[in-house]
Amino acid sequence: MLPFGPHLIAVDETNLLKVWDIKAEEVSSELNFNAASFEISALIHPVTYINKILLGSVQGSMQLWNLKTAKQVYTFDGWKSPITILEQAPAIDVVAVGLASGEIILHNLKFDESIVKFNQEWGPITALCFRTDGAPIMITGSTQGHLAIWDLEKKALLQQHRNAHRGAVTGLKSISSEPLIVTSSVDNSLRVILDF
């Protein structure tokens, strides 16, 4: 699900994307996708892209859609690995794409170009966020409960937090303008990461 202005976007198990009008409490539009060619696995609203959402797929490709016109704007070929998460980067036009292969790609949507690639050795990317206090830091989570902290300027791994959780990391949120990250996991716990 994705909050989108006065709407809520949801994708159901049949690969049907529904746009709910929150005030009217009803579905305002639907888009049906063929799961064999494009099974939706992640979605975000890229900052400054009015009326548009970016969809990631199990097939590894992405599609940009205008929800107001219900038309596809662009298709990104992708990386031939299932997309597990999409996250807006601090830079406009740039999104972070987490893959089941363990790769993280910072991709410029405007020019359809990958800027930098990272590789997390612990398998699929299960969560991803950026610090919001001005530090060029990206954090990723794994199925094993480990966290990787990446320096975006040096394009290198800065730190690892092994066993931050006893199960897969399911969520990462940066506290606004603070050097704090809150993590969640299938182990039914929340953690606050301070020392990075």
N, C-alpha and C. Protein backbone atom coordinates (compact mmCIF):
# COMPACT_ATOMS: atom_id res chain seq x y z
N MET A 1 0.84 -1.19 0.00
CA MET A 1 0.00 0.00 0.00
C MET A 1 0.88 1.25 0.00
N LEU A 2 0.34 2.32 -0.57
CA LEU A 2 1.08 3.57 -0.65
C LEU A 2 0.11 4.74 -0.50
N PRO A 3 0.26 5.57 0.54
CA PRO A 3 -0.53 6.80 0.63
C PRO A 3 -0.10 7.73 -0.50
N PHE A 4 -1.06 8.35 -1.17
CA PHE A 4 -0.77 9.16 -2.35
C PHE A 4 -1.74 10.35 -2.36
N GLY A 5 -1.39 11.44 -1.67
CA GLY A 5 -2.29 12.60 -1.57
C GLY A 5 -3.60 12.17 -0.94
N PRO A 6 -4.74 12.48 -1.57
CA PRO A 6 -6.04 12.08 -1.01
C PRO A 6 -6.43 10.64 -1.37
N HIS A 7 -5.45 9.87 -1.83
CA HIS A 7 -5.71 8.49 -2.26
C HIS A 7 -4.84 7.51 -1.49
N LEU A 8 -5.24 6.26 -1.57
CA LEU A 8 -4.44 5.15 -1.06
C LEU A 8 -4.33 4.15 -2.20
N ILE A 9 -3.09 3.78 -2.53
CA ILE A 9 -2.87 2.82 -3.61
C ILE A 9 -2.57 1.47 -2.99
N ALA A 10 -3.23 0.45 -3.50
CA ALA A 10 -3.01 -0.91 -2.99
C ALA A 10 -2.89 -1.86 -4.17
N VAL A 11 -2.06 -2.88 -3.99
CA VAL A 11 -1.92 -3.94 -4.98
C VAL A 11 -2.35 -5.23 -4.31
N ASP A 12 -3.32 -5.92 -4.91
CA ASP A 12 -3.82 -7.15 -4.27
C ASP A 12 -3.10 -8.37 -4.81
N GLU A 13 -3.44 -9.54 -4.29
CA GLU A 13 -2.74 -10.78 -4.65
C GLU A 13 -2.96 -11.21 -6.10
N THR A 14 -3.94 -10.62 -6.78
CA THR A 14 -4.16 -10.93 -8.19
C THR A 14 -3.40 -9.98 -9.11
N ASN A 15 -2.54 -9.11 -8.53
CA ASN A 15 -1.74 -8.14 -9.28
C ASN A 15 -2.59 -7.00 -9.83
N LEU A 16 -3.70 -6.72 -9.16
CA LEU A 16 -4.58 -5.62 -9.52
C LEU A 16 -4.23 -4.41 -8.66
N LEU A 17 -3.90 -3.29 -9.30
CA LEU A 17 -3.60 -2.05 -8.59
C LEU A 17 -4.88 -1.25 -8.45
N LYS A 18 -5.22 -0.90 -7.22
CA LYS A 18 -6.44 -0.13 -6.95
C LYS A 18 -6.08 1.21 -6.35
N VAL A 19 -6.73 2.25 -6.84
CA VAL A 19 -6.57 3.59 -6.29
C VAL A 19 -7.84 3.90 -5.52
N TRP A 20 -7.70 4.04 -4.20
CA TRP A 20 -8.83 4.32 -3.32
C TRP A 20 -8.94 5.81 -3.06
N ASP A 21 -10.13 6.36 -3.17
CA ASP A 21 -10.41 7.72 -2.76
C ASP A 21 -10.70 7.66 -1.25
N ILE A 22 -9.84 8.24 -0.46
CA ILE A 22 -9.95 8.13 1.00
C ILE A 22 -11.23 8.77 1.53
N LYS A 23 -11.55 9.97 1.04
CA LYS A 23 -12.74 10.66 1.54
C LYS A 23 -14.03 9.93 1.16
N ALA A 24 -14.11 9.48 -0.08
CA ALA A 24 -15.32 8.79 -0.55
C ALA A 24 -15.35 7.33 -0.08
N GLU A 25 -14.20 6.82 0.38
CA GLU A 25 -14.09 5.44 0.83
C GLU A 25 -14.51 4.44 -0.26
N GLU A 26 -14.01 4.70 -1.49
CA GLU A 26 -14.31 3.81 -2.61
C GLU A 26 -13.16 3.79 -3.60
N VAL A 27 -13.15 2.76 -4.42
CA VAL A 27 -12.12 2.64 -5.45
C VAL A 27 -12.42 3.63 -6.57
N SER A 28 -11.44 4.47 -6.90
CA SER A 28 -11.65 5.46 -7.97
C SER A 28 -11.12 4.97 -9.32
N SER A 29 -10.13 4.06 -9.28
CA SER A 29 -9.66 3.47 -10.54
C SER A 29 -8.90 2.18 -10.25
N GLU A 30 -8.74 1.38 -11.30
CA GLU A 30 -8.03 0.11 -11.19
C GLU A 30 -7.16 -0.10 -12.43
N LEU A 31 -6.00 -0.71 -12.21
CA LEU A 31 -5.11 -1.10 -13.31
C LEU A 31 -4.77 -2.56 -13.11
N ASN A 32 -5.03 -3.36 -14.13
CA ASN A 32 -4.77 -4.79 -14.04
C ASN A 32 -3.46 -5.11 -14.78
N PHE A 33 -2.57 -5.82 -14.10
CA PHE A 33 -1.28 -6.18 -14.68
C PHE A 33 -1.19 -7.69 -14.84
N ASN A 34 -0.58 -8.12 -15.93
CA ASN A 34 -0.37 -9.54 -16.18
C ASN A 34 0.85 -9.98 -15.37
N ALA A 35 0.66 -10.82 -14.38
CA ALA A 35 1.73 -11.25 -13.48
C ALA A 35 2.84 -12.00 -14.22
N ALA A 36 2.54 -12.62 -15.33
CA ALA A 36 3.56 -13.35 -16.08
C ALA A 36 4.60 -12.41 -16.68
N SER A 37 4.19 -11.20 -17.01
CA SER A 37 5.13 -10.25 -17.63
C SER A 37 5.52 -9.10 -16.70
N PHE A 38 4.66 -8.76 -15.71
CA PHE A 38 4.99 -7.67 -14.79
C PHE A 38 4.22 -7.88 -13.48
N GLU A 39 4.82 -8.62 -12.55
CA GLU A 39 4.22 -8.84 -11.24
C GLU A 39 4.75 -7.79 -10.28
N ILE A 40 3.88 -6.93 -9.79
CA ILE A 40 4.29 -5.80 -8.95
C ILE A 40 4.84 -6.29 -7.62
N SER A 41 6.03 -5.79 -7.28
CA SER A 41 6.68 -6.18 -6.03
C SER A 41 7.01 -4.98 -5.14
N ALA A 42 6.97 -3.76 -5.69
CA ALA A 42 7.29 -2.56 -4.92
C ALA A 42 6.70 -1.35 -5.63
N LEU A 43 6.40 -0.30 -4.87
CA LEU A 43 5.90 0.93 -5.48
C LEU A 43 6.25 2.13 -4.63
N ILE A 44 6.51 3.26 -5.30
CA ILE A 44 6.75 4.53 -4.62
C ILE A 44 6.22 5.66 -5.50
N HIS A 45 6.08 6.82 -4.87
CA HIS A 45 5.79 8.05 -5.59
C HIS A 45 7.07 8.87 -5.62
N PRO A 46 7.75 8.95 -6.79
CA PRO A 46 8.98 9.74 -6.84
C PRO A 46 8.69 11.22 -6.57
N VAL A 47 9.51 11.83 -5.74
CA VAL A 47 9.34 13.24 -5.39
C VAL A 47 9.36 14.10 -6.64
N THR A 48 8.47 15.06 -6.73
CA THR A 48 8.28 16.03 -7.83
C THR A 48 7.63 15.43 -9.07
N TYR A 49 7.34 14.15 -9.10
CA TYR A 49 6.69 13.52 -10.24
C TYR A 49 5.17 13.55 -10.00
N ILE A 50 4.54 14.63 -10.42
CA ILE A 50 3.13 14.87 -10.14
C ILE A 50 2.26 13.78 -10.78
N ASN A 51 1.34 13.23 -9.97
CA ASN A 51 0.39 12.19 -10.38
C ASN A 51 1.04 10.88 -10.83
N LYS A 52 2.32 10.68 -10.51
CA LYS A 52 3.01 9.50 -11.02
C LYS A 52 3.47 8.58 -9.90
N ILE A 53 3.46 7.27 -10.20
CA ILE A 53 4.02 6.27 -9.30
C ILE A 53 4.98 5.40 -10.10
N LEU A 54 5.97 4.89 -9.39
CA LEU A 54 6.95 4.00 -9.98
C LEU A 54 6.70 2.60 -9.42
N LEU A 55 6.55 1.64 -10.30
CA LEU A 55 6.29 0.26 -9.91
C LEU A 55 7.51 -0.60 -10.22
N GLY A 56 7.90 -1.43 -9.25
CA GLY A 56 8.95 -2.41 -9.47
C GLY A 56 8.32 -3.78 -9.61
N SER A 57 9.03 -4.70 -10.25
CA SER A 57 8.43 -6.01 -10.52
C SER A 57 9.33 -7.17 -10.10
N VAL A 58 8.71 -8.33 -10.00
CA VAL A 58 9.43 -9.57 -9.74
C VAL A 58 10.36 -9.88 -10.91
N GLN A 59 10.00 -9.44 -12.09
CA GLN A 59 10.81 -9.67 -13.28
C GLN A 59 12.04 -8.77 -13.33
N GLY A 60 12.11 -7.75 -12.45
CA GLY A 60 13.27 -6.88 -12.38
C GLY A 60 13.15 -5.57 -13.14
N SER A 61 12.08 -5.38 -13.88
CA SER A 61 11.87 -4.13 -14.61
C SER A 61 11.02 -3.17 -13.78
N MET A 62 10.96 -1.92 -14.21
CA MET A 62 10.14 -0.90 -13.54
C MET A 62 9.27 -0.20 -14.58
N GLN A 63 8.12 0.31 -14.12
CA GLN A 63 7.25 1.10 -14.97
C GLN A 63 6.84 2.36 -14.23
N LEU A 64 6.83 3.48 -14.95
CA LEU A 64 6.35 4.75 -14.42
C LEU A 64 4.96 5.00 -14.99
N TRP A 65 3.99 5.21 -14.10
CA TRP A 65 2.59 5.40 -14.51
C TRP A 65 2.07 6.75 -14.05
N ASN A 66 1.24 7.37 -14.90
CA ASN A 66 0.48 8.56 -14.53
C ASN A 66 -0.89 8.08 -14.08
N LEU A 67 -1.18 8.25 -12.80
CA LEU A 67 -2.46 7.74 -12.28
C LEU A 67 -3.65 8.60 -12.68
N LYS A 68 -3.40 9.86 -12.96
CA LYS A 68 -4.51 10.74 -13.37
C LYS A 68 -5.05 10.32 -14.74
N THR A 69 -4.15 9.96 -15.65
CA THR A 69 -4.57 9.56 -16.99
C THR A 69 -4.65 8.04 -17.14
N ALA A 70 -4.18 7.30 -16.13
CA ALA A 70 -4.13 5.83 -16.15
C ALA A 70 -3.33 5.32 -17.34
N LYS A 71 -2.21 6.02 -17.63
CA LYS A 71 -1.36 5.64 -18.76
C LYS A 71 0.07 5.41 -18.30
N GLN A 72 0.70 4.43 -18.93
CA GLN A 72 2.11 4.16 -18.66
C GLN A 72 2.95 5.24 -19.33
N VAL A 73 3.88 5.82 -18.59
CA VAL A 73 4.74 6.88 -19.10
C VAL A 73 6.05 6.33 -19.65
N TYR A 74 6.63 5.34 -18.93
CA TYR A 74 7.95 4.85 -19.33
C TYR A 74 8.19 3.46 -18.73
N THR A 75 8.99 2.65 -19.43
CA THR A 75 9.43 1.35 -18.91
C THR A 75 10.94 1.37 -18.76
N PHE A 76 11.42 0.95 -17.59
CA PHE A 76 12.84 0.81 -17.32
C PHE A 76 13.18 -0.69 -17.42
N ASP A 77 14.17 -1.03 -18.21
CA ASP A 77 14.50 -2.44 -18.46
C ASP A 77 14.82 -3.20 -17.18
N GLY A 78 15.52 -2.59 -16.27
CA GLY A 78 15.80 -3.22 -14.99
C GLY A 78 17.05 -4.06 -14.97
N TRP A 79 17.09 -5.02 -14.02
CA TRP A 79 18.34 -5.70 -13.70
C TRP A 79 18.21 -7.22 -13.65
N LYS A 80 17.16 -7.80 -14.13
CA LYS A 80 16.97 -9.25 -14.21
C LYS A 80 17.06 -9.94 -12.85
N SER A 81 16.69 -9.22 -11.82
CA SER A 81 16.57 -9.77 -10.47
C SER A 81 15.33 -9.13 -9.86
N PRO A 82 14.54 -9.88 -9.11
CA PRO A 82 13.33 -9.30 -8.53
C PRO A 82 13.62 -8.04 -7.70
N ILE A 83 12.80 -7.02 -7.91
CA ILE A 83 12.91 -5.79 -7.13
C ILE A 83 12.18 -6.02 -5.81
N THR A 84 12.89 -5.84 -4.70
CA THR A 84 12.30 -6.07 -3.39
C THR A 84 11.85 -4.79 -2.72
N ILE A 85 12.48 -3.67 -3.07
CA ILE A 85 12.12 -2.40 -2.45
C ILE A 85 12.55 -1.24 -3.33
N LEU A 86 11.75 -0.17 -3.31
CA LEU A 86 12.08 1.09 -3.97
C LEU A 86 12.03 2.18 -2.90
N GLU A 87 13.01 3.09 -2.94
CA GLU A 87 13.05 4.17 -1.96
C GLU A 87 13.57 5.44 -2.63
N GLN A 88 12.92 6.56 -2.35
CA GLN A 88 13.36 7.85 -2.88
C GLN A 88 14.70 8.21 -2.25
N ALA A 89 15.67 8.56 -3.08
CA ALA A 89 16.97 9.04 -2.61
C ALA A 89 16.86 10.53 -2.29
N PRO A 90 17.81 11.08 -1.54
CA PRO A 90 17.77 12.52 -1.24
C PRO A 90 17.84 13.40 -2.49
N ALA A 91 18.47 12.92 -3.56
CA ALA A 91 18.57 13.68 -4.80
C ALA A 91 17.31 13.50 -5.64
N ILE A 92 16.80 14.59 -6.19
CA ILE A 92 15.62 14.53 -7.06
C ILE A 92 15.95 13.69 -8.28
N ASP A 93 14.98 12.95 -8.78
CA ASP A 93 15.09 12.06 -9.94
C ASP A 93 15.82 10.75 -9.64
N VAL A 94 16.32 10.57 -8.42
CA VAL A 94 17.08 9.37 -8.10
C VAL A 94 16.30 8.50 -7.12
N VAL A 95 16.22 7.21 -7.43
CA VAL A 95 15.61 6.24 -6.52
C VAL A 95 16.62 5.13 -6.24
N ALA A 96 16.50 4.56 -5.05
CA ALA A 96 17.29 3.39 -4.70
C ALA A 96 16.44 2.17 -5.00
N VAL A 97 17.03 1.21 -5.68
CA VAL A 97 16.35 -0.02 -6.06
C VAL A 97 17.05 -1.18 -5.36
N GLY A 98 16.33 -1.84 -4.45
CA GLY A 98 16.86 -3.01 -3.76
C GLY A 98 16.42 -4.26 -4.49
N LEU A 99 17.35 -5.19 -4.68
CA LEU A 99 17.09 -6.40 -5.46
C LEU A 99 17.23 -7.66 -4.62
N ALA A 100 16.59 -8.72 -5.07
CA ALA A 100 16.69 -10.01 -4.40
C ALA A 100 18.11 -10.57 -4.49
N SER A 101 18.88 -10.12 -5.45
CA SER A 101 20.27 -10.57 -5.62
C SER A 101 21.20 -9.99 -4.56
N GLY A 102 20.72 -9.00 -3.80
CA GLY A 102 21.55 -8.32 -2.81
C GLY A 102 22.13 -7.03 -3.33
N GLU A 103 21.88 -6.71 -4.59
CA GLU A 103 22.37 -5.44 -5.14
C GLU A 103 21.45 -4.29 -4.77
N ILE A 104 22.05 -3.11 -4.63
CA ILE A 104 21.31 -1.86 -4.46
C ILE A 104 21.81 -0.94 -5.57
N ILE A 105 20.89 -0.41 -6.35
CA ILE A 105 21.24 0.48 -7.45
C ILE A 105 20.63 1.84 -7.19
N LEU A 106 21.43 2.89 -7.28
CA LEU A 106 20.89 4.25 -7.29
C LEU A 106 20.71 4.60 -8.75
N HIS A 107 19.43 4.82 -9.13
CA HIS A 107 19.09 4.97 -10.54
C HIS A 107 18.44 6.32 -10.80
N ASN A 108 18.94 7.04 -11.81
CA ASN A 108 18.38 8.32 -12.21
C ASN A 108 17.21 8.06 -13.16
N LEU A 109 16.00 8.40 -12.72
CA LEU A 109 14.82 8.16 -13.53
C LEU A 109 14.76 9.04 -14.77
N LYS A 110 15.18 10.28 -14.62
CA LYS A 110 15.10 11.24 -15.72
C LYS A 110 15.92 10.79 -16.93
N PHE A 111 17.12 10.27 -16.66
CA PHE A 111 18.01 9.86 -17.76
C PHE A 111 18.07 8.34 -17.94
N ASP A 112 17.33 7.60 -17.12
CA ASP A 112 17.36 6.13 -17.14
C ASP A 112 18.79 5.62 -17.11
N GLU A 113 19.54 6.08 -16.09
CA GLU A 113 20.93 5.69 -15.93
C GLU A 113 21.19 5.29 -14.48
N SER A 114 21.92 4.21 -14.31
CA SER A 114 22.36 3.81 -12.97
C SER A 114 23.57 4.65 -12.59
N ILE A 115 23.52 5.24 -11.40
CA ILE A 115 24.59 6.11 -10.93
C ILE A 115 25.67 5.32 -10.22
N VAL A 116 25.23 4.43 -9.32
CA VAL A 116 26.17 3.63 -8.54
C VAL A 116 25.48 2.34 -8.11
N LYS A 117 26.28 1.27 -7.94
CA LYS A 117 25.76 -0.01 -7.48
C LYS A 117 26.52 -0.43 -6.24
N PHE A 118 25.79 -1.02 -5.31
CA PHE A 118 26.37 -1.60 -4.10
C PHE A 118 25.93 -3.06 -4.05
N ASN A 119 26.67 -3.88 -3.30
CA ASN A 119 26.29 -5.28 -3.17
C ASN A 119 26.32 -5.69 -1.71
N GLN A 120 25.16 -6.07 -1.20
CA GLN A 120 25.04 -6.57 0.17
C GLN A 120 25.20 -8.08 0.11
N GLU A 121 26.15 -8.61 0.85
CA GLU A 121 26.51 -10.03 0.73
C GLU A 121 25.54 -10.98 1.43
N TRP A 122 24.56 -10.47 2.15
CA TRP A 122 23.68 -11.33 2.95
C TRP A 122 22.38 -11.66 2.25
N GLY A 123 22.30 -11.55 0.96
CA GLY A 123 21.09 -11.90 0.24
C GLY A 123 20.17 -10.72 -0.02
N PRO A 124 18.88 -10.99 -0.21
CA PRO A 124 17.93 -9.96 -0.65
C PRO A 124 17.90 -8.72 0.25
N ILE A 125 17.66 -7.58 -0.40
CA ILE A 125 17.47 -6.32 0.32
C ILE A 125 16.03 -6.32 0.81
N THR A 126 15.84 -6.26 2.13
CA THR A 126 14.49 -6.30 2.70
C THR A 126 14.00 -4.94 3.17
N ALA A 127 14.92 -4.00 3.36
CA ALA A 127 14.55 -2.65 3.81
C ALA A 127 15.67 -1.71 3.41
N LEU A 128 15.32 -0.43 3.27
CA LEU A 128 16.30 0.55 2.81
C LEU A 128 15.84 1.94 3.23
N CYS A 129 16.78 2.78 3.66
CA CYS A 129 16.46 4.18 3.93
C CYS A 129 17.72 5.04 3.85
N PHE A 130 17.52 6.34 3.86
CA PHE A 130 18.61 7.31 3.83
C PHE A 130 18.52 8.17 5.08
N ARG A 131 19.68 8.56 5.62
CA ARG A 131 19.65 9.52 6.72
C ARG A 131 19.12 10.84 6.20
N THR A 132 18.41 11.56 7.06
CA THR A 132 17.77 12.82 6.65
C THR A 132 18.39 14.04 7.32
N ASP A 133 19.54 13.85 7.95
CA ASP A 133 20.19 14.97 8.63
C ASP A 133 21.33 15.57 7.81
N GLY A 134 21.38 15.25 6.52
CA GLY A 134 22.40 15.82 5.64
C GLY A 134 23.60 14.91 5.42
N ALA A 135 23.75 13.88 6.22
CA ALA A 135 24.87 12.95 6.03
C ALA A 135 24.58 12.06 4.83
N PRO A 136 25.60 11.82 3.97
CA PRO A 136 25.39 11.00 2.76
C PRO A 136 25.43 9.50 3.10
N ILE A 137 24.43 9.04 3.82
CA ILE A 137 24.41 7.68 4.33
C ILE A 137 23.14 6.96 3.89
N MET A 138 23.31 5.70 3.43
CA MET A 138 22.20 4.82 3.10
C MET A 138 22.32 3.58 3.98
N ILE A 139 21.20 3.08 4.47
CA ILE A 139 21.18 1.89 5.32
C ILE A 139 20.31 0.84 4.63
N THR A 140 20.80 -0.42 4.63
CA THR A 140 20.02 -1.51 4.05
C THR A 140 19.88 -2.63 5.07
N GLY A 141 18.78 -3.38 4.95
CA GLY A 141 18.52 -4.51 5.83
C GLY A 141 18.50 -5.81 5.05
N SER A 142 18.67 -6.92 5.78
CA SER A 142 18.75 -8.23 5.14
C SER A 142 17.79 -9.22 5.77
N THR A 143 17.66 -10.37 5.13
CA THR A 143 16.82 -11.46 5.65
C THR A 143 17.42 -12.07 6.90
N GLN A 144 18.71 -11.89 7.12
CA GLN A 144 19.40 -12.48 8.28
C GLN A 144 19.40 -11.57 9.50
N GLY A 145 18.80 -10.38 9.39
CA GLY A 145 18.75 -9.47 10.52
C GLY A 145 19.92 -8.53 10.61
N HIS A 146 20.79 -8.54 9.60
CA HIS A 146 21.96 -7.66 9.58
C HIS A 146 21.60 -6.33 8.90
N LEU A 147 22.36 -5.28 9.25
CA LEU A 147 22.24 -3.97 8.62
C LEU A 147 23.57 -3.59 8.00
N ALA A 148 23.52 -2.98 6.83
CA ALA A 148 24.71 -2.43 6.18
C ALA A 148 24.54 -0.92 6.08
N ILE A 149 25.59 -0.20 6.41
CA ILE A 149 25.57 1.26 6.36
C ILE A 149 26.58 1.68 5.30
N TRP A 150 26.08 2.41 4.30
CA TRP A 150 26.86 2.76 3.12
C TRP A 150 27.17 4.25 3.10
N ASP A 151 28.41 4.60 2.76
CA ASP A 151 28.83 5.98 2.56
C ASP A 151 28.63 6.30 1.08
N LEU A 152 27.70 7.19 0.77
CA LEU A 152 27.36 7.47 -0.63
C LEU A 152 28.44 8.30 -1.33
N GLU A 153 29.17 9.12 -0.57
CA GLU A 153 30.23 9.92 -1.20
C GLU A 153 31.43 9.05 -1.56
N LYS A 154 31.81 8.15 -0.65
CA LYS A 154 32.95 7.26 -0.91
C LYS A 154 32.54 6.03 -1.70
N LYS A 155 31.23 5.83 -1.84
CA LYS A 155 30.68 4.67 -2.57
C LYS A 155 31.22 3.36 -2.00
N ALA A 156 31.15 3.27 -0.67
CA ALA A 156 31.72 2.11 0.00
C ALA A 156 30.93 1.78 1.26
N LEU A 157 31.11 0.53 1.73
CA LEU A 157 30.51 0.09 2.98
C LEU A 157 31.20 0.81 4.13
N LEU A 158 30.42 1.44 4.99
CA LEU A 158 30.97 2.19 6.12
C LEU A 158 30.99 1.32 7.38
N GLN A 159 29.87 0.63 7.66
CA GLN A 159 29.75 -0.20 8.85
C GLN A 159 28.80 -1.36 8.58
N GLN A 160 28.88 -2.35 9.46
CA GLN A 160 27.92 -3.44 9.48
C GLN A 160 27.40 -3.58 10.90
N HIS A 161 26.12 -3.87 11.02
CA HIS A 161 25.52 -4.20 12.31
C HIS A 161 24.97 -5.62 12.15
N ARG A 162 25.80 -6.59 12.49
CA ARG A 162 25.37 -7.98 12.38
C ARG A 162 24.43 -8.32 13.53
N ASN A 163 23.42 -9.12 13.21
CA ASN A 163 22.44 -9.55 14.21
C ASN A 163 21.76 -8.38 14.92
N ALA A 164 21.48 -7.33 14.17
CA ALA A 164 20.70 -6.23 14.74
C ALA A 164 19.32 -6.73 15.15
N HIS A 165 18.86 -7.77 14.46
CA HIS A 165 17.59 -8.44 14.78
C HIS A 165 17.79 -9.95 14.68
N ARG A 166 16.87 -10.71 15.29
CA ARG A 166 16.93 -12.17 15.24
C ARG A 166 16.17 -12.73 14.04
N GLY A 167 15.64 -11.86 13.20
CA GLY A 167 14.93 -12.26 11.99
C GLY A 167 15.13 -11.20 10.93
N ALA A 168 14.47 -11.38 9.80
CA ALA A 168 14.60 -10.44 8.68
C ALA A 168 14.23 -9.02 9.11
N VAL A 169 15.00 -8.07 8.62
CA VAL A 169 14.69 -6.65 8.84
C VAL A 169 13.55 -6.31 7.88
N THR A 170 12.44 -5.81 8.41
CA THR A 170 11.28 -5.51 7.58
C THR A 170 11.06 -4.02 7.35
N GLY A 171 11.70 -3.19 8.15
CA GLY A 171 11.51 -1.75 7.99
C GLY A 171 12.67 -0.96 8.53
N LEU A 172 12.96 0.16 7.85
CA LEU A 172 13.98 1.12 8.28
C LEU A 172 13.40 2.50 8.07
N LYS A 173 13.43 3.32 9.11
CA LYS A 173 12.95 4.70 9.00
C LYS A 173 13.95 5.63 9.63
N SER A 174 14.28 6.68 8.92
CA SER A 174 15.17 7.71 9.43
C SER A 174 14.34 8.76 10.16
N ILE A 175 14.77 9.11 11.37
CA ILE A 175 14.09 10.17 12.11
C ILE A 175 14.48 11.50 11.47
N SER A 176 13.50 12.33 11.16
CA SER A 176 13.72 13.57 10.43
C SER A 176 14.78 14.46 11.09
N SER A 177 15.79 14.82 10.31
CA SER A 177 16.88 15.72 10.71
C SER A 177 17.67 15.24 11.92
N GLU A 178 17.65 13.95 12.19
CA GLU A 178 18.39 13.37 13.32
C GLU A 178 19.25 12.21 12.81
N PRO A 179 20.38 11.94 13.47
CA PRO A 179 21.21 10.80 13.08
C PRO A 179 20.71 9.50 13.71
N LEU A 180 19.43 9.24 13.60
CA LEU A 180 18.79 8.08 14.22
C LEU A 180 18.01 7.29 13.18
N ILE A 181 18.11 5.97 13.27
CA ILE A 181 17.34 5.08 12.41
C ILE A 181 16.56 4.12 13.29
N VAL A 182 15.28 3.96 13.00
CA VAL A 182 14.45 2.98 13.71
C VAL A 182 14.28 1.78 12.78
N THR A 183 14.53 0.58 13.31
CA THR A 183 14.41 -0.64 12.52
C THR A 183 13.31 -1.52 13.10
N SER A 184 12.69 -2.31 12.23
CA SER A 184 11.69 -3.29 12.67
C SER A 184 12.03 -4.62 12.03
N SER A 185 11.45 -5.69 12.61
CA SER A 185 11.80 -7.03 12.16
C SER A 185 10.65 -8.00 12.39
N VAL A 186 10.76 -9.16 11.72
CA VAL A 186 9.80 -10.24 11.96
C VAL A 186 9.97 -10.83 13.35
N ASP A 187 11.05 -10.47 14.05
CA ASP A 187 11.23 -10.95 15.43
C ASP A 187 10.39 -10.14 16.43
N ASN A 188 9.51 -9.28 15.89
CA ASN A 188 8.57 -8.49 16.68
C ASN A 188 9.29 -7.50 17.60
N SER A 189 10.33 -6.88 17.08
CA SER A 189 11.07 -5.89 17.87
C SER A 189 11.34 -4.64 17.04
N LEU A 190 11.58 -3.55 17.76
CA LEU A 190 12.03 -2.30 17.18
C LEU A 190 13.38 -1.98 17.79
N ARG A 191 14.28 -1.41 17.00
CA ARG A 191 15.58 -1.00 17.50
C ARG A 191 15.85 0.42 17.03
N VAL A 192 16.60 1.16 17.81
CA VAL A 192 17.06 2.48 17.41
C VAL A 192 18.56 2.40 17.23
N ILE A 193 19.04 2.75 16.04
CA ILE A 193 20.46 2.70 15.74
C ILE A 193 21.01 4.12 15.90
N LEU A 194 22.00 4.26 16.77
CA LEU A 194 22.56 5.57 17.07
C LEU A 194 24.01 5.71 16.59
N ASP A 195 24.78 4.67 16.70
CA ASP A 195 26.23 4.76 16.55
C ASP A 195 26.70 4.53 15.12
N PHE A 196 26.39 5.46 14.24
CA PHE A 196 26.92 5.36 12.87
C PHE A 196 27.12 6.76 12.31
